Protein backbone atom coordinates (compact mmCIF):
# COMPACT_ATOMS: atom_id res chain seq x y z
CA MET A 1 5.28 -18.49 -17.78
CA SER A 2 1.91 -17.01 -18.81
CA LYS A 3 1.37 -13.31 -19.36
CA SER A 4 -0.93 -13.22 -16.31
CA ALA A 5 1.67 -14.88 -14.09
CA LEU A 6 4.35 -12.48 -15.32
CA ARG A 7 2.11 -9.53 -14.55
CA VAL A 8 1.43 -10.74 -10.99
CA ALA A 9 5.16 -11.25 -10.44
CA PHE A 10 5.89 -7.80 -11.86
CA LEU A 11 3.26 -6.17 -9.68
CA ALA A 12 4.76 -7.77 -6.61
CA MET A 13 8.14 -6.28 -7.53
CA VAL A 14 6.97 -2.71 -8.12
CA VAL A 15 4.85 -2.30 -5.01
CA VAL A 16 6.83 -0.34 -2.45
CA SER A 17 6.34 0.96 1.04
CA LEU A 18 4.98 4.41 1.80
CA ILE A 19 2.86 6.09 4.48
CA VAL A 20 2.83 3.38 7.12
CA ALA A 21 5.54 3.28 9.79
CA CYS A 22 8.62 1.22 8.99
CA ALA A 23 8.71 -2.41 9.93
CA PRO A 24 10.39 -3.37 13.20
CA SER A 25 12.94 -6.15 13.25
CA ALA A 26 10.67 -8.52 15.13
CA THR A 27 7.07 -9.04 16.12
CA PRO A 28 6.09 -6.32 18.64
CA THR A 29 6.11 -7.29 22.30
CA PRO A 30 2.58 -8.12 23.52
CA VAL A 31 1.01 -5.56 25.84
CA ILE A 32 -1.95 -6.01 28.16
CA VAL A 33 -3.89 -2.88 29.00
CA LYS A 34 -5.16 -3.00 32.57
CA GLU A 35 -7.30 0.13 32.41
CA THR A 36 -9.38 1.68 29.67
CA ALA A 37 -6.73 2.78 27.22
CA VAL A 38 -6.81 6.47 26.42
CA VAL A 39 -4.10 8.66 25.02
CA LYS A 40 -3.61 10.64 28.20
CA GLU A 41 -4.01 7.81 30.72
CA THR A 42 -2.71 4.36 29.76
CA ALA A 43 -1.37 1.78 32.19
CA VAL A 44 0.40 -1.21 30.65
CA VAL A 45 2.37 -4.22 31.74
CA VAL A 46 4.63 -6.07 29.35
CA VAL A 47 4.28 -9.84 29.08
CA THR A 48 6.83 -12.15 27.54
CA ALA A 49 4.61 -14.52 25.59
CA THR A 50 1.10 -15.15 24.39
CA PRO A 51 -0.80 -17.71 26.48
CA PRO A 52 -0.18 -21.32 25.47
CA PRO A 53 -2.90 -22.76 23.22
CA LYS A 54 -5.52 -24.71 25.12
CA ALA A 55 -6.41 -28.28 24.27
CA GLU A 56 -8.27 -28.80 21.00
CA THR A 57 -7.99 -25.20 19.88
CA VAL A 58 -7.69 -24.31 16.20
CA ASP A 59 -4.50 -22.43 15.32
CA VAL A 60 -5.07 -19.50 12.94
CA VAL A 61 -2.07 -17.76 11.39
CA PHE A 62 -2.44 -13.98 11.05
CA TRP A 63 -0.02 -11.89 8.96
CA SER A 64 -0.12 -8.37 10.40
CA SER A 65 1.33 -5.18 8.90
CA LEU A 66 1.67 -2.53 11.60
CA SER A 67 4.81 -1.84 13.62
CA GLY A 68 5.75 0.23 16.65
CA THR A 69 2.94 1.24 19.00
CA LEU A 70 0.34 0.26 16.41
CA GLY A 71 1.83 -3.21 16.15
CA GLU A 72 1.98 -3.58 19.92
CA THR A 73 -1.70 -2.67 20.13
CA THR A 74 -2.59 -5.35 17.58
CA GLN A 75 -0.49 -7.94 19.43
CA ASP A 76 -2.18 -7.03 22.70
CA LEU A 77 -5.60 -7.57 21.12
CA VAL A 78 -4.49 -10.95 19.75
CA TYR A 79 -3.30 -11.94 23.25
CA ARG A 80 -6.59 -10.92 24.80
CA PHE A 81 -8.65 -12.74 22.19
CA ASN A 82 -6.68 -15.91 22.80
CA SER A 83 -7.14 -15.51 26.55
CA SER A 84 -10.88 -14.92 26.26
CA GLN A 85 -11.85 -18.29 24.79
CA ASP A 86 -10.50 -21.78 24.08
CA GLU A 87 -11.74 -22.44 20.53
CA VAL A 88 -9.28 -20.42 18.43
CA ASN A 89 -5.61 -19.55 18.96
CA VAL A 90 -4.41 -16.71 16.72
CA ILE A 91 -0.70 -16.67 15.89
CA ASN A 92 0.31 -13.12 14.96
CA GLU A 93 3.23 -12.99 12.51
CA TYR A 94 4.35 -9.47 11.64
CA GLN A 95 5.45 -9.28 7.99
CA GLY A 96 6.42 -5.65 7.43
CA ASP A 97 4.36 -2.72 6.21
CA TYR A 98 1.32 -3.15 3.94
CA TYR A 99 3.36 -3.32 0.77
CA THR A 100 5.99 -5.71 2.06
CA THR A 101 3.16 -7.93 3.27
CA LEU A 102 1.52 -7.71 -0.16
CA GLN A 103 4.73 -8.89 -1.82
CA LYS A 104 5.05 -11.78 0.62
CA PHE A 105 1.41 -12.74 0.17
CA LEU A 106 1.74 -12.79 -3.63
CA ALA A 107 4.85 -14.93 -3.28
CA GLY A 108 2.99 -17.18 -0.84
CA MET A 109 0.19 -17.64 -3.35
CA ALA A 110 2.67 -18.91 -5.90
CA ALA A 111 4.20 -21.26 -3.33
CA LYS A 112 0.77 -22.39 -2.05
CA LYS A 113 1.72 -21.22 1.43
CA VAL A 114 -0.38 -18.36 2.78
CA PRO A 115 -1.73 -17.40 6.23
CA ASP A 116 -5.35 -17.78 7.27
CA ILE A 117 -5.78 -14.02 7.76
CA VAL A 118 -3.86 -11.15 6.18
CA GLN A 119 -3.86 -7.41 6.86
CA LEU A 120 -3.47 -5.33 3.68
CA ASP A 121 -4.38 -1.91 2.34
CA GLY A 122 -8.08 -1.68 1.54
CA MET A 123 -7.41 -0.34 -1.95
CA TYR A 124 -6.04 -3.74 -3.00
CA THR A 125 -9.18 -5.70 -2.11
CA PRO A 126 -10.53 -5.84 -5.71
CA PHE A 127 -7.11 -6.86 -7.03
CA MET A 128 -6.69 -9.65 -4.48
CA ALA A 129 -10.29 -10.83 -4.77
CA SER A 130 -10.07 -10.95 -8.57
CA ARG A 131 -6.92 -13.06 -8.31
CA GLY A 132 -8.67 -15.59 -6.10
CA ALA A 133 -6.49 -14.66 -3.12
CA TYR A 134 -9.25 -13.57 -0.73
CA ALA A 135 -12.20 -15.70 0.31
CA ASN A 136 -15.71 -14.44 -0.36
CA ILE A 137 -17.03 -13.87 3.17
CA ASP A 138 -20.57 -12.76 2.29
CA ALA A 139 -22.05 -15.84 3.96
CA LEU A 140 -20.07 -15.14 7.13
CA VAL A 141 -20.89 -11.42 7.26
CA LYS A 142 -24.59 -11.97 6.59
CA GLY A 143 -25.02 -15.31 8.37
CA PRO A 144 -26.36 -16.06 11.87
CA ASP A 145 -22.92 -15.29 13.38
CA GLY A 146 -22.44 -12.24 11.17
CA ILE A 147 -22.18 -8.46 11.58
CA ASP A 148 -24.81 -5.80 11.01
CA GLU A 149 -23.65 -4.16 7.76
CA SER A 150 -25.58 -0.97 8.53
CA ASP A 151 -23.36 -0.42 11.58
CA LEU A 152 -20.34 0.33 9.37
CA LEU A 153 -19.70 4.00 8.54
CA ALA A 154 -20.62 5.02 5.01
CA GLY A 155 -17.71 5.40 2.61
CA PHE A 156 -15.64 2.55 4.03
CA ALA A 157 -17.51 -0.60 3.03
CA GLU A 158 -16.38 -0.30 -0.61
CA GLY A 159 -12.86 -1.15 0.51
CA ASP A 160 -14.23 -4.46 1.77
CA LYS A 161 -16.06 -5.47 -1.40
CA TYR A 162 -15.51 -6.75 -4.92
CA ASN A 163 -18.39 -7.11 -7.39
CA GLY A 164 -20.83 -6.37 -4.58
CA SER A 165 -19.63 -9.14 -2.25
CA TYR A 166 -17.54 -8.90 0.91
CA TYR A 167 -13.98 -10.18 0.61
CA ALA A 168 -12.57 -8.31 3.62
CA TRP A 169 -13.64 -6.39 6.69
CA SER A 170 -12.35 -2.95 7.69
CA TYR A 171 -9.94 -2.83 10.62
CA ALA A 172 -7.39 0.01 10.75
CA ARG A 173 -9.05 2.61 8.52
CA SER A 174 -8.19 6.27 8.39
CA THR A 175 -8.54 9.52 6.49
CA PRO A 176 -6.09 12.38 6.04
CA LEU A 177 -6.40 15.42 8.28
CA LEU A 178 -4.89 18.90 8.27
CA TYR A 179 -2.46 19.19 11.20
CA PHE A 180 -1.50 22.75 12.18
CA ASN A 181 0.78 24.35 14.76
CA THR A 182 -1.39 26.69 16.82
CA ASP A 183 1.67 28.26 18.48
CA ALA A 184 2.92 29.29 15.03
CA PHE A 185 -0.55 30.57 14.12
CA ALA A 186 -0.59 32.73 17.26
CA GLU A 187 2.94 33.98 16.51
CA VAL A 188 1.87 35.47 13.16
CA GLY A 189 -1.56 36.62 14.29
CA LEU A 190 -3.69 33.98 12.57
CA PRO A 191 -6.97 32.76 14.09
CA LEU A 192 -6.42 29.57 16.07
CA LYS A 193 -8.62 27.43 13.83
CA ALA A 194 -8.05 25.23 10.82
CA PRO A 195 -8.25 26.87 7.39
CA ALA A 196 -11.55 25.69 5.91
CA THR A 197 -10.80 26.32 2.22
CA TRP A 198 -7.84 25.97 -0.10
CA ASP A 199 -7.57 29.76 -0.43
CA GLU A 200 -7.49 30.12 3.36
CA LEU A 201 -4.78 27.47 3.61
CA VAL A 202 -2.64 29.22 0.99
CA ALA A 203 -3.01 32.61 2.68
CA ALA A 204 -2.08 31.12 6.06
CA ALA A 205 0.86 29.19 4.61
CA ARG A 206 2.36 32.33 3.08
CA LYS A 207 2.08 34.16 6.39
CA LEU A 208 3.63 31.27 8.33
CA VAL A 209 6.88 31.10 6.32
CA LYS A 210 9.83 32.10 8.50
CA LYS A 211 13.35 32.95 7.30
CA ASN A 212 16.63 33.51 9.14
CA GLU A 213 18.93 36.51 8.82
CA LYS A 214 20.48 34.93 5.70
CA GLY A 215 17.12 34.72 4.00
CA GLU A 216 16.98 30.93 4.33
CA VAL A 217 13.64 29.32 5.07
CA VAL A 218 13.63 27.81 8.55
CA ARG A 219 9.88 27.16 8.64
CA TYR A 220 7.71 26.45 5.63
CA GLY A 221 4.04 27.18 5.62
CA PHE A 222 3.14 23.65 4.56
CA SER A 223 4.87 20.29 4.08
CA LEU A 224 3.43 17.96 1.44
CA ALA A 225 4.34 14.28 1.71
CA LEU A 226 4.50 12.36 -1.56
CA ARG A 227 4.21 8.63 -2.35
CA ASN A 228 0.61 8.54 -1.26
CA TRP A 229 -2.59 8.93 -3.24
CA TRP A 230 -5.17 10.23 -0.82
CA PHE A 231 -3.97 13.81 -0.28
CA LEU A 232 -3.95 14.66 -3.97
CA GLU A 233 -7.00 12.60 -4.83
CA SER A 234 -9.06 14.29 -2.09
CA MET A 235 -8.18 17.67 -3.59
CA PHE A 236 -8.94 16.48 -7.14
CA MET A 237 -12.41 15.38 -6.10
CA SER A 238 -13.04 18.48 -3.98
CA ASN A 239 -12.30 20.57 -7.08
CA GLY A 240 -14.61 18.53 -9.30
CA GLY A 241 -11.94 16.22 -10.71
CA THR A 242 -11.15 12.54 -10.29
CA MET A 243 -8.36 10.03 -10.84
CA TYR A 244 -10.72 7.46 -12.39
CA ASP A 245 -13.42 7.82 -15.05
CA GLU A 246 -15.61 4.74 -14.79
CA ALA A 247 -17.35 5.40 -18.12
CA THR A 248 -14.09 5.28 -20.10
CA GLN A 249 -12.17 3.11 -17.62
CA SER A 250 -9.36 5.63 -17.71
CA ALA A 251 -7.16 7.80 -15.48
CA PRO A 252 -8.02 11.33 -16.67
CA MET A 253 -5.08 13.14 -15.15
CA THR A 254 -5.44 16.02 -17.62
CA LEU A 255 -8.90 17.05 -16.47
CA PRO A 256 -8.86 20.85 -15.93
CA ALA A 257 -9.78 20.40 -12.26
CA ASN A 258 -6.86 17.99 -11.71
CA VAL A 259 -4.39 20.19 -13.57
CA GLU A 260 -5.50 23.24 -11.58
CA VAL A 261 -4.74 21.48 -8.29
CA MET A 262 -1.31 20.25 -9.42
CA LYS A 263 -0.31 23.63 -10.87
CA ALA A 264 -1.34 25.42 -7.68
CA ILE A 265 0.80 23.11 -5.54
CA GLN A 266 3.77 23.32 -7.90
CA ASP A 267 3.60 27.14 -7.90
CA LEU A 268 3.66 27.21 -4.09
CA ILE A 269 6.69 24.91 -4.04
CA LYS A 270 8.47 27.21 -6.51
CA GLU A 271 7.52 30.17 -4.32
CA GLY A 272 9.08 28.56 -1.25
CA VAL A 273 5.82 28.39 0.69
CA PHE A 274 5.35 24.62 0.39
CA THR A 275 8.10 22.03 0.78
CA THR A 276 8.22 18.44 -0.41
CA SER A 277 10.72 15.68 -1.12
CA LYS A 278 11.01 12.17 -2.51
CA ASP A 279 11.90 11.17 1.04
CA SER A 280 8.39 11.38 2.45
CA GLY A 281 9.53 9.59 5.60
CA ALA A 282 11.74 12.55 6.46
CA LEU A 283 8.93 14.97 5.67
CA SER A 284 6.74 13.30 8.27
CA THR A 285 8.99 14.76 10.96
CA ASP A 286 8.94 18.32 9.58
CA PHE A 287 5.77 19.17 11.46
CA LEU A 288 7.00 17.78 14.80
CA GLN A 289 10.34 19.56 14.37
CA GLN A 290 8.48 22.79 13.54
CA LYS A 291 10.12 23.01 10.12
CA ALA A 292 6.62 23.28 8.66
CA ALA A 293 3.60 24.88 10.32
CA MET A 294 1.01 22.69 8.57
CA CYS A 295 0.81 19.32 6.88
CA PHE A 296 -1.56 16.57 5.84
CA LYS A 297 -1.21 13.38 7.88
CA SER A 298 -3.32 10.35 8.69
CA THR A 299 -5.79 10.12 11.54
CA ALA A 300 -3.59 7.21 12.62
CA ASP A 301 -0.88 9.76 13.50
CA LEU A 302 -3.04 11.40 16.18
CA ALA A 303 -1.94 9.30 19.14
CA ALA A 304 1.74 9.57 18.21
CA THR A 305 1.46 13.35 17.75
CA VAL A 306 -0.17 13.74 21.17
CA LYS A 307 2.89 12.07 22.69
CA ALA A 308 5.61 13.64 20.55
CA ALA A 309 4.61 17.27 19.95
CA THR A 310 6.37 19.86 22.11
CA PHE A 311 4.06 22.67 21.00
CA LYS A 312 0.35 23.34 20.83
CA TRP A 313 -1.37 21.93 17.78
CA ASP A 314 -4.76 21.02 16.41
CA VAL A 315 -6.37 19.35 13.41
CA GLY A 316 -9.06 20.14 10.88
CA TYR A 317 -10.74 18.78 7.79
CA ILE A 318 -8.83 18.65 4.52
CA PRO A 319 -9.57 22.18 3.24
CA LYS A 320 -12.09 22.24 0.44
CA TRP A 321 -11.83 23.63 -3.06
CA ASP A 322 -15.55 23.46 -3.92
CA ASN A 323 -16.85 20.76 -1.56
CA TYR A 324 -15.55 18.72 1.35
CA VAL A 325 -14.33 15.35 0.10
CA VAL A 326 -11.99 12.89 1.75
CA THR A 327 -10.75 9.54 0.47
CA PRO A 328 -10.34 6.79 3.06
CA GLY A 329 -7.21 4.74 3.49
CA GLY A 330 -5.85 2.15 5.87
CA SER A 331 -6.15 -1.59 6.07
CA VAL A 332 -8.64 -4.43 6.05
CA LEU A 333 -8.52 -7.98 7.34
CA ALA A 334 -9.11 -10.72 4.78
CA ILE A 335 -9.38 -14.48 5.04
CA ALA A 336 -7.22 -16.30 2.49
CA ALA A 337 -9.16 -18.25 -0.10
CA ASP A 338 -6.86 -21.24 0.49
CA SER A 339 -7.41 -21.25 4.26
CA GLN A 340 -8.98 -24.39 5.66
CA LYS A 341 -9.94 -22.54 8.84
CA LYS A 342 -12.29 -19.86 7.58
CA GLU A 343 -14.88 -20.15 10.36
CA ALA A 344 -12.20 -20.00 13.05
CA ALA A 345 -10.62 -17.00 11.33
CA TRP A 346 -14.03 -15.31 11.21
CA LYS A 347 -14.40 -15.63 15.00
CA PHE A 348 -11.29 -13.49 15.39
CA LEU A 349 -12.33 -10.97 12.74
CA LYS A 350 -15.70 -10.53 14.38
CA TRP A 351 -14.18 -10.10 17.85
CA ILE A 352 -11.44 -7.62 16.89
CA THR A 353 -13.94 -5.43 15.00
CA SER A 354 -16.67 -5.61 17.68
CA PRO A 355 -18.00 -2.28 19.02
CA GLU A 356 -16.08 -2.33 22.32
CA ILE A 357 -12.77 -3.38 20.76
CA THR A 358 -13.26 -0.94 17.86
CA ALA A 359 -13.78 1.89 20.37
CA GLU A 360 -10.67 0.93 22.33
CA TYR A 361 -8.57 0.56 19.17
CA SER A 362 -9.58 4.02 18.00
CA MET A 363 -8.70 5.53 21.37
CA ARG A 364 -5.27 3.94 21.44
CA THR A 365 -4.26 4.66 17.84
CA GLY A 366 -6.29 7.41 16.18
CA TYR A 367 -7.74 5.07 13.57
CA ILE A 368 -11.42 5.82 13.01
CA ALA A 369 -14.01 3.94 15.04
CA LEU A 370 -15.80 2.43 12.05
CA ARG A 371 -18.79 1.00 13.89
CA LYS A 372 -21.58 3.46 14.66
CA SER A 373 -22.28 1.52 17.83
CA ALA A 374 -18.64 1.94 18.87
CA GLN A 375 -18.94 5.71 18.64
CA GLU A 376 -21.90 5.59 21.02
CA THR A 377 -19.98 3.82 23.79
CA ALA A 378 -19.41 5.81 26.97
CA ARG A 379 -15.65 5.18 26.87
CA LEU A 380 -15.26 6.67 23.39
CA GLN A 381 -17.48 9.66 24.16
CA ASP A 382 -15.34 10.34 27.23
CA HIS A 383 -12.20 9.98 25.10
CA PHE A 384 -13.49 12.53 22.59
CA ALA A 385 -14.14 14.98 25.41
CA LYS A 386 -10.55 14.63 26.65
CA ASN A 387 -8.95 14.46 23.18
CA PRO A 388 -11.10 16.56 20.80
CA GLN A 389 -8.74 16.06 17.85
CA PHE A 390 -9.91 12.45 17.64
CA LYS A 391 -13.51 13.60 17.21
CA VAL A 392 -12.53 15.71 14.18
CA ALA A 393 -11.49 12.53 12.37
CA VAL A 394 -14.87 10.93 13.04
CA ASP A 395 -16.78 14.06 12.00
CA GLN A 396 -14.85 14.35 8.73
CA ALA A 397 -15.68 10.72 7.90
CA GLN A 398 -19.15 11.85 6.76
CA TYR A 399 -17.42 13.17 3.63
CA ALA A 400 -15.61 9.90 2.86
CA VAL A 401 -16.09 8.50 -0.65
CA GLY A 402 -15.62 5.01 -2.04
CA LEU A 403 -12.30 3.85 -3.43
CA PRO A 404 -12.05 4.00 -7.24
CA LEU A 405 -11.40 0.60 -8.77
CA ILE A 406 -8.31 1.83 -10.63
CA LYS A 407 -6.35 1.93 -7.37
CA ALA A 408 -6.75 -1.81 -7.00
CA VAL A 409 -3.83 -2.31 -9.41
CA PRO A 410 -0.46 -1.81 -7.65
CA VAL A 411 1.45 -0.72 -10.76
CA VAL A 412 -1.16 2.00 -11.42
CA VAL A 413 -0.60 3.41 -7.96
CA GLU A 414 3.16 3.29 -8.45
CA ASN A 415 2.86 5.39 -11.62
CA PHE A 416 0.67 7.89 -9.77
CA TYR A 417 3.57 8.29 -7.32
CA LYS A 418 5.98 8.88 -10.20
CA LEU A 419 3.66 11.58 -11.53
CA GLN A 420 3.80 13.34 -8.15
CA GLU A 421 7.58 13.19 -7.92
CA GLU A 422 8.15 14.54 -11.43
CA ILE A 423 5.71 17.44 -10.96
CA PHE A 424 6.41 18.41 -7.34
CA VAL A 425 10.10 17.51 -6.98
CA GLY A 426 11.36 17.66 -10.56
CA LEU A 427 9.02 20.59 -11.32
CA ALA A 428 8.19 19.07 -14.72
CA PRO A 429 5.48 20.70 -16.89
CA VAL A 430 2.17 19.76 -15.31
CA GLU A 431 -0.04 19.07 -18.31
CA ALA A 432 2.51 17.08 -20.30
CA THR A 433 3.49 15.00 -17.28
CA ALA A 434 -0.14 14.43 -16.35
CA LYS A 435 -0.88 13.19 -19.87
CA LYS A 436 2.14 10.87 -19.90
CA TYR A 437 1.25 9.15 -16.65
CA GLY A 438 -2.49 9.27 -17.23
CA ASP A 439 -1.95 7.26 -20.43
CA ILE A 440 0.33 4.77 -18.66
CA MET A 441 -2.09 4.31 -15.76
CA THR A 442 -5.01 3.84 -18.15
CA GLU A 443 -3.13 1.22 -20.18
CA GLU A 444 -2.12 -0.74 -17.09
CA PHE A 445 -5.62 -0.66 -15.67
CA GLN A 446 -7.28 -1.73 -18.90
CA SER A 447 -4.77 -4.56 -19.28
CA TRP A 448 -5.76 -5.79 -15.83
CA LEU A 449 -9.45 -5.64 -16.80
CA LYS A 450 -8.76 -7.70 -19.91
CA GLU A 451 -7.02 -10.34 -17.85
CA LEU A 452 -10.11 -10.61 -15.69
CA GLY A 453 -12.16 -11.34 -18.81
């Protein structure tokens, strides 16, 4: 087997699941929304099957990657698309979270058996495009049946491109937000607004720590989930740092600005103000169980938090160090290069990312409405008025930055997670650990570049 083939196989093995909800055991049950779907008023009726394909329709296989309520929403949209026309019949096959789907797609490439459309994390678009996995859809995006590129929010299009061309189109995109318990803020006499700066967040977190009569912490000021890149990277960039130096094609983890951020977090963990764990899935419940008064979570958690929280809460921007910066995450839809049904697949991509559907999808999930025209719809404006937390996510999107190319390589991202665990869980020396993993990440990235020629 060639070195390149070995590397692809290895990358498929090391990619693991993280921030997205765990995969259900089966494809989510389709749901039809009878009324405009909003978080506070949603009427649904469960159906048992998608409509049968009409005569002479083209079947398009879609590998999706969202479970639970998010997966049900996607399945409902697939059902409605199929019901709305008789040219294309989309078959939604849930594969697991983004990273399980990535593994299956890489395996499918080797077996020459891939779907027509796949939903994967936007940070892998360059990797998949460079491997010939995604089709170049420039002609479809810019053609007579295309989409107005200027309608997409700034900061998100880079996750759709490779070498300046479109290889995917944004679907379920998000940014991190600061979630905070306003009941806890009131309890300790804090203003009922989000801390705007890192210093304000630290001061609030210290005040919010609660201990029992034994001196044990029963509520931390802040809970930091690991095994993700966007929380830490947003803070790096806000402080003047970065996780990728394009000039040297390296991962400069030892930049003073990066080290300052990591040392500050580690010190707060040692102090007992912040909490973290390798089990980031468990940490995601700390906020809802009021074991932590603040946390960073995705905009995609908004709808679920509205339903699950038993206390008053609100959201704010990721607090700034020097400037507001936020790195986008979430998934894109891509057409497989080997698909023989690209035009049919494009009809679905265009429909599911249309302004009206984009607005509805944002309302039902918390994912950002990526089309400017979607944000201007009356239904979304009304939704923002009823659910102001959702508007915060849209407002913060003005500070979104493009994805650095280094995150396109799965094994690089995996080593960034190991860096976090050693520093924030193992409490390893920051500078030495940053240098060790910065060197590894740089080597892996440059090896990938060499393979590309």
